[in-house]
Amino acid sequence: MTELPPIAVPELIARLDTLVAAHGPGVVAFDGDGTLWSGDVGDDFLHAFLERGELRPEAAPVLARAAARSGGDEGLAGRALLRRLVLRYEEGSLDEELFYELTAVVCAGWARHEVDAFVRQVLAAVPLAPRLHGEAMALVGWARERGVAVRIVSASPAPGVVLAAEAVGVRPDEVIAVTAEAHGEVTGTAARRPIPYGPGKVEALRGQVGSAPLHAAFGDNRFDVDLLRAATVPVAIRPKARLRAAASLVPGLPELRPVDFPGPRHQGSLTMCCPRGPPPRP
């Protein structure tokens, strides 16, 4: 397994301060799952959906399309087909971008408030506060103090990422995630393009922040490589084996030293975890 050179939070912040002084506030981008917090809110959502989510008639063509694009699973439909597709993904035989699109549109036919309520139940069952990474929280706090724009660029479904982002002091308009097209307030059957996965992460980020300098990007997995390569300072946070194996694609990629998060504060029904205060409103 590839060892990455370690870097501590104060050393990294000193490097980023130099970039901000030279080029202006710019942007820092975080992959959410595994980078800001441990685990995966997309997986949390999907496994909960497999247990108790309602597949409505609108979802039938979504599943059929995914099955056809992945080589077919003839004879299966509904929840059985969804379980087969998830199993194929876990076995590595289902295209990952296709899988991420599927997780965003599996709620086809649901009203937005129904999706939001379901996601809140999911995250309440697997609380985010104990899963936060202290080193990432320190960098979000640094960015807020310096006026640096923060973006989360995630391949998980947008409703879960948006709710998780609230707990780290990141606004919904600062989240880029896989988003289902909507018909009014009803979830549609296709995801918006580009899917923020692999090179789509960079395309989606640039579509929102334009040519602003990307001072730093933070990731933990192989499909963050394009985002990491696009940044002046790429940084691995608690990297998985797949990112370590691909480290040669990101020359000089350092690994940020872990820091325990000191703990959350509470605000209403959400656990808020922004260590340097809430983000400024635009």
Protein backbone atom coordinates (compact mmCIF):
# COMPACT_ATOMS: atom_id res chain seq x y z
CA MET A 1 0.00 0.00 0.00
CA THR A 2 1.36 3.41 -1.00
CA GLU A 3 2.45 5.61 1.88
CA LEU A 4 1.65 9.28 1.43
CA PRO A 5 3.75 12.08 2.94
CA PRO A 6 1.99 13.41 6.04
CA ILE A 7 1.03 17.03 6.52
CA ALA A 8 -0.36 18.61 9.69
CA VAL A 9 -3.23 21.10 9.74
CA PRO A 10 -1.07 24.13 10.76
CA GLU A 11 1.44 23.44 7.97
CA LEU A 12 -1.33 23.09 5.40
CA ILE A 13 -3.05 26.26 6.56
CA ALA A 14 0.23 28.16 6.22
CA ARG A 15 0.50 26.99 2.59
CA LEU A 16 -3.09 27.97 1.88
CA ASP A 17 -2.66 31.37 3.52
CA THR A 18 0.18 32.02 1.08
CA LEU A 19 -2.07 31.15 -1.87
CA VAL A 20 -4.89 33.37 -0.61
CA ALA A 21 -2.51 36.28 -0.13
CA ALA A 22 -1.14 35.86 -3.66
CA HIS A 23 -4.30 35.01 -5.62
CA GLY A 24 -7.31 36.06 -3.58
CA PRO A 25 -9.86 34.06 -1.58
CA GLY A 26 -10.60 31.43 -4.21
CA VAL A 27 -12.27 28.10 -3.44
CA VAL A 28 -11.63 24.91 -1.48
CA ALA A 29 -13.56 21.76 -2.37
CA PHE A 30 -14.31 18.73 -0.22
CA ASP A 31 -15.62 15.36 -1.24
CA GLY A 32 -18.16 14.81 1.52
CA ASP A 33 -18.34 11.11 2.39
CA GLY A 34 -15.14 9.83 3.96
CA THR A 35 -13.56 13.28 3.83
CA LEU A 36 -15.67 15.54 6.05
CA TRP A 37 -17.18 12.59 7.89
CA SER A 38 -16.68 8.83 8.05
CA GLY A 39 -19.11 6.56 6.26
CA ASP A 40 -21.32 7.42 3.31
CA VAL A 41 -24.67 9.19 3.56
CA GLY A 42 -25.59 7.84 0.12
CA ASP A 43 -25.11 4.28 1.34
CA ASP A 44 -27.02 5.08 4.53
CA PHE A 45 -29.92 6.35 2.43
CA LEU A 46 -29.92 3.46 -0.03
CA HIS A 47 -29.79 0.71 2.60
CA ALA A 48 -32.64 2.38 4.48
CA PHE A 49 -34.58 2.63 1.23
CA LEU A 50 -34.06 -1.07 0.55
CA GLU A 51 -35.52 -1.82 3.97
CA ARG A 52 -38.54 0.47 4.03
CA GLY A 53 -38.61 2.85 1.04
CA GLU A 54 -41.58 2.73 -1.32
CA LEU A 55 -40.86 2.07 -4.98
CA ARG A 56 -43.58 3.93 -6.85
CA PRO A 57 -44.70 3.21 -10.42
CA GLU A 58 -42.53 6.08 -11.70
CA ALA A 59 -39.43 4.16 -10.59
CA ALA A 60 -40.08 1.13 -12.81
CA PRO A 61 -38.53 2.64 -15.97
CA VAL A 62 -35.62 3.94 -13.86
CA LEU A 63 -34.75 0.41 -12.73
CA ALA A 64 -35.35 -1.08 -16.16
CA ARG A 65 -33.06 1.51 -17.75
CA ALA A 66 -30.32 0.81 -15.22
CA ALA A 67 -30.64 -2.94 -15.78
CA ALA A 68 -30.47 -2.54 -19.56
CA ARG A 69 -27.43 -0.27 -19.40
CA SER A 70 -25.65 -2.68 -17.09
CA GLY A 71 -26.20 -5.80 -19.17
CA GLY A 72 -29.72 -6.71 -18.14
CA ASP A 73 -31.30 -8.55 -15.24
CA GLU A 74 -34.15 -10.16 -17.11
CA GLY A 75 -37.08 -11.46 -15.13
CA LEU A 76 -36.61 -9.14 -12.16
CA ALA A 77 -38.60 -6.04 -11.29
CA GLY A 78 -39.28 -3.72 -8.39
CA ARG A 79 -37.42 -4.22 -5.13
CA ALA A 80 -35.88 -7.52 -6.31
CA LEU A 81 -34.32 -5.73 -9.27
CA LEU A 82 -33.09 -2.88 -7.09
CA ARG A 83 -31.47 -5.35 -4.69
CA ARG A 84 -29.79 -7.11 -7.62
CA LEU A 85 -28.41 -3.81 -8.95
CA VAL A 86 -27.07 -2.87 -5.51
CA LEU A 87 -25.45 -6.30 -5.20
CA ARG A 88 -23.84 -5.93 -8.61
CA TYR A 89 -22.45 -2.56 -7.55
CA GLU A 90 -21.04 -4.01 -4.33
CA GLU A 91 -19.44 -6.81 -6.35
CA GLY A 92 -17.87 -4.25 -8.70
CA SER A 93 -19.85 -5.31 -11.79
CA LEU A 94 -22.12 -2.26 -12.05
CA ASP A 95 -20.81 1.01 -13.48
CA GLU A 96 -20.29 3.38 -10.56
CA GLU A 97 -21.59 6.51 -12.27
CA LEU A 98 -24.74 4.61 -13.26
CA PHE A 99 -25.15 3.49 -9.65
CA TYR A 100 -24.85 7.03 -8.29
CA GLU A 101 -27.45 8.25 -10.75
CA LEU A 102 -29.75 5.40 -9.70
CA THR A 103 -29.53 6.32 -6.02
CA ALA A 104 -30.62 9.88 -6.85
CA VAL A 105 -33.74 8.86 -8.80
CA VAL A 106 -34.89 5.76 -6.92
CA CYS A 107 -37.43 8.06 -5.19
CA ALA A 108 -39.08 8.89 -8.52
CA GLY A 109 -42.66 9.93 -7.84
CA TRP A 110 -41.97 11.09 -4.28
CA ALA A 111 -42.74 14.67 -3.30
CA ARG A 112 -39.77 16.71 -2.15
CA HIS A 113 -41.05 16.93 1.43
CA GLU A 114 -41.37 13.14 1.55
CA VAL A 115 -37.76 12.69 0.44
CA ASP A 116 -36.53 15.26 2.96
CA ALA A 117 -38.47 13.60 5.79
CA PHE A 118 -37.09 10.17 4.88
CA VAL A 119 -33.52 11.46 4.73
CA ARG A 120 -33.89 13.12 8.13
CA GLN A 121 -35.02 9.79 9.58
CA VAL A 122 -32.02 8.05 8.02
CA LEU A 123 -29.48 10.51 9.40
CA ALA A 124 -31.17 10.52 12.80
CA ALA A 125 -30.60 6.76 12.93
CA VAL A 126 -26.89 7.11 12.04
CA PRO A 127 -25.91 10.42 13.69
CA LEU A 128 -23.30 12.46 11.89
CA ALA A 129 -21.68 14.25 14.83
CA PRO A 130 -19.60 11.27 16.05
CA ARG A 131 -18.42 10.69 12.48
CA LEU A 132 -16.95 14.15 11.80
CA HIS A 133 -13.25 14.49 11.01
CA GLY A 134 -11.61 17.14 13.15
CA GLU A 135 -8.94 18.01 10.60
CA ALA A 136 -11.59 18.70 7.94
CA MET A 137 -13.65 20.78 10.37
CA ALA A 138 -10.56 22.89 11.13
CA LEU A 139 -10.17 23.61 7.42
CA VAL A 140 -13.81 24.57 6.99
CA GLY A 141 -13.35 26.96 9.91
CA TRP A 142 -10.17 28.39 8.35
CA ALA A 143 -11.96 28.95 5.03
CA ARG A 144 -14.79 30.82 6.73
CA GLU A 145 -12.36 33.09 8.58
CA ARG A 146 -10.44 33.92 5.39
CA GLY A 147 -13.49 34.41 3.17
CA VAL A 148 -12.58 31.41 1.03
CA ALA A 149 -15.54 29.79 -0.74
CA VAL A 150 -16.35 26.24 0.40
CA ARG A 151 -17.91 23.59 -1.81
CA ILE A 152 -18.85 19.98 -1.18
CA VAL A 153 -18.66 17.96 -4.40
CA SER A 154 -20.25 14.57 -3.83
CA ALA A 155 -21.54 11.62 -5.83
CA SER A 156 -24.15 10.89 -3.15
CA PRO A 157 -27.80 11.96 -3.57
CA ALA A 158 -28.27 15.66 -2.93
CA PRO A 159 -30.94 15.48 -0.18
CA GLY A 160 -28.67 13.51 2.15
CA VAL A 161 -25.59 15.59 1.40
CA VAL A 162 -27.47 18.86 1.92
CA LEU A 163 -28.72 17.73 5.32
CA ALA A 164 -25.28 16.44 6.32
CA ALA A 165 -23.74 19.71 5.12
CA GLU A 166 -25.94 21.66 7.53
CA ALA A 167 -24.17 19.83 10.36
CA VAL A 168 -20.76 21.09 9.20
CA GLY A 169 -21.86 24.68 8.56
CA VAL A 170 -22.16 24.41 4.77
CA ARG A 171 -25.21 25.92 3.08
CA PRO A 172 -27.33 24.09 0.47
CA ASP A 173 -26.12 26.43 -2.27
CA GLU A 174 -22.55 25.32 -1.47
CA VAL A 175 -23.36 21.65 -2.13
CA ILE A 176 -22.83 19.95 -5.48
CA ALA A 177 -24.29 16.44 -5.43
CA VAL A 178 -26.28 14.05 -7.60
CA THR A 179 -29.62 15.75 -8.10
CA ALA A 180 -32.78 14.28 -9.57
CA GLU A 181 -34.67 16.38 -12.08
CA ALA A 182 -37.97 17.49 -10.60
CA HIS A 183 -41.44 18.06 -12.00
CA GLY A 184 -42.68 20.78 -9.71
CA GLU A 185 -42.21 19.29 -6.25
CA VAL A 186 -42.10 15.69 -7.50
CA THR A 187 -38.88 13.72 -8.01
CA GLY A 188 -38.29 12.83 -11.65
CA THR A 189 -36.69 9.84 -13.35
CA ALA A 190 -33.36 11.29 -14.49
CA ALA A 191 -30.42 13.03 -12.81
CA ARG A 192 -29.01 16.37 -13.82
CA ARG A 193 -25.76 16.35 -15.75
CA PRO A 194 -22.89 16.30 -15.18
CA ILE A 195 -22.90 13.60 -12.51
CA PRO A 196 -20.32 14.80 -9.93
CA TYR A 197 -18.24 11.64 -10.18
CA GLY A 198 -14.69 11.38 -11.56
CA PRO A 199 -14.13 14.14 -14.14
CA GLY A 200 -17.74 15.19 -13.62
CA LYS A 201 -16.72 16.54 -10.21
CA VAL A 202 -14.48 19.12 -11.85
CA GLU A 203 -17.02 19.95 -14.56
CA ALA A 204 -19.80 20.43 -12.01
CA LEU A 205 -17.58 22.53 -9.72
CA ARG A 206 -16.41 24.78 -12.55
CA GLY A 207 -20.00 25.18 -13.68
CA GLN A 208 -20.72 26.78 -10.33
CA VAL A 209 -17.54 28.69 -9.40
CA GLY A 210 -16.25 29.53 -12.89
CA SER A 211 -12.55 30.32 -13.14
CA ALA A 212 -12.02 31.11 -9.44
CA PRO A 213 -8.73 29.61 -8.25
CA LEU A 214 -9.19 26.20 -6.68
CA HIS A 215 -6.64 26.51 -3.89
CA ALA A 216 -7.21 23.06 -2.41
CA ALA A 217 -9.26 19.92 -2.91
CA PHE A 218 -9.74 17.16 -0.36
CA GLY A 219 -10.67 13.57 -1.13
CA ASP A 220 -10.44 10.03 0.15
CA ASN A 221 -11.08 7.73 -2.85
CA ARG A 222 -10.03 6.92 -6.41
CA PHE A 223 -12.90 8.82 -8.01
CA ASP A 224 -11.65 12.04 -6.35
CA VAL A 225 -8.46 11.99 -8.45
CA ASP A 226 -9.71 14.42 -11.11
CA LEU A 227 -10.85 16.89 -8.47
CA LEU A 228 -7.55 16.57 -6.61
CA ARG A 229 -5.55 17.10 -9.81
CA ALA A 230 -7.50 20.28 -10.56
CA ALA A 231 -6.41 21.94 -7.30
CA THR A 232 -3.20 23.83 -6.57
CA VAL A 233 -2.91 21.85 -3.33
CA PRO A 234 -4.46 18.37 -3.44
CA VAL A 235 -4.84 16.65 -0.07
CA ALA A 236 -5.94 13.17 0.97
CA ILE A 237 -8.04 12.90 4.13
CA ARG A 238 -8.09 9.41 5.66
CA PRO A 239 -7.50 7.88 2.21
CA LYS A 240 -8.92 4.53 1.22
CA ALA A 241 -6.81 1.85 -0.45
CA ARG A 242 -8.09 2.79 -3.91
CA LEU A 243 -6.79 6.35 -3.57
CA ARG A 244 -3.46 5.17 -2.22
CA ALA A 245 -3.14 2.85 -5.22
CA ALA A 246 -3.82 5.78 -7.56
CA ALA A 247 -1.59 8.28 -5.73
CA SER A 248 0.91 8.40 -8.60
CA LEU A 249 -1.78 10.18 -10.63
CA VAL A 250 -1.64 13.09 -8.17
CA PRO A 251 2.07 13.93 -7.79
CA GLY A 252 3.08 14.90 -4.28
CA LEU A 253 -0.31 14.06 -2.78
CA PRO A 254 0.00 14.42 1.02
CA GLU A 255 -2.15 12.82 3.69
CA LEU A 256 -3.58 15.18 6.28
CA ARG A 257 -2.87 14.06 9.82
CA PRO A 258 -6.08 13.08 11.62
CA VAL A 259 -7.41 15.29 14.39
CA ASP A 260 -10.18 14.35 16.80
CA PHE A 261 -13.19 16.62 16.55
CA PRO A 262 -13.82 18.21 19.97
CA GLY A 263 -17.59 17.72 19.82
CA PRO A 264 -20.84 19.19 18.53
CA ARG A 265 -23.10 21.91 19.70
CA HIS A 266 -26.85 21.71 19.31
CA GLN A 267 -29.24 24.03 17.53
CA GLY A 268 -32.87 23.00 17.30
CA SER A 269 -33.30 19.45 16.03
CA LEU A 270 -30.00 19.37 14.14
CA THR A 271 -26.58 18.67 15.54
CA MET A 272 -24.47 21.60 14.37
CA CYS A 273 -20.73 21.13 14.08
CA CYS A 274 -19.24 24.28 12.63
CA PRO A 275 -16.27 24.88 14.98
CA ARG A 276 -15.59 28.48 14.03
CA GLY A 277 -19.17 29.74 13.95
CA PRO A 278 -21.85 29.65 11.25
CA PRO A 279 -21.02 30.65 7.67
CA PRO A 280 -21.72 34.19 6.58
CA ARG A 281 -24.80 34.70 4.46
CA PRO A 282 -24.14 35.91 0.90
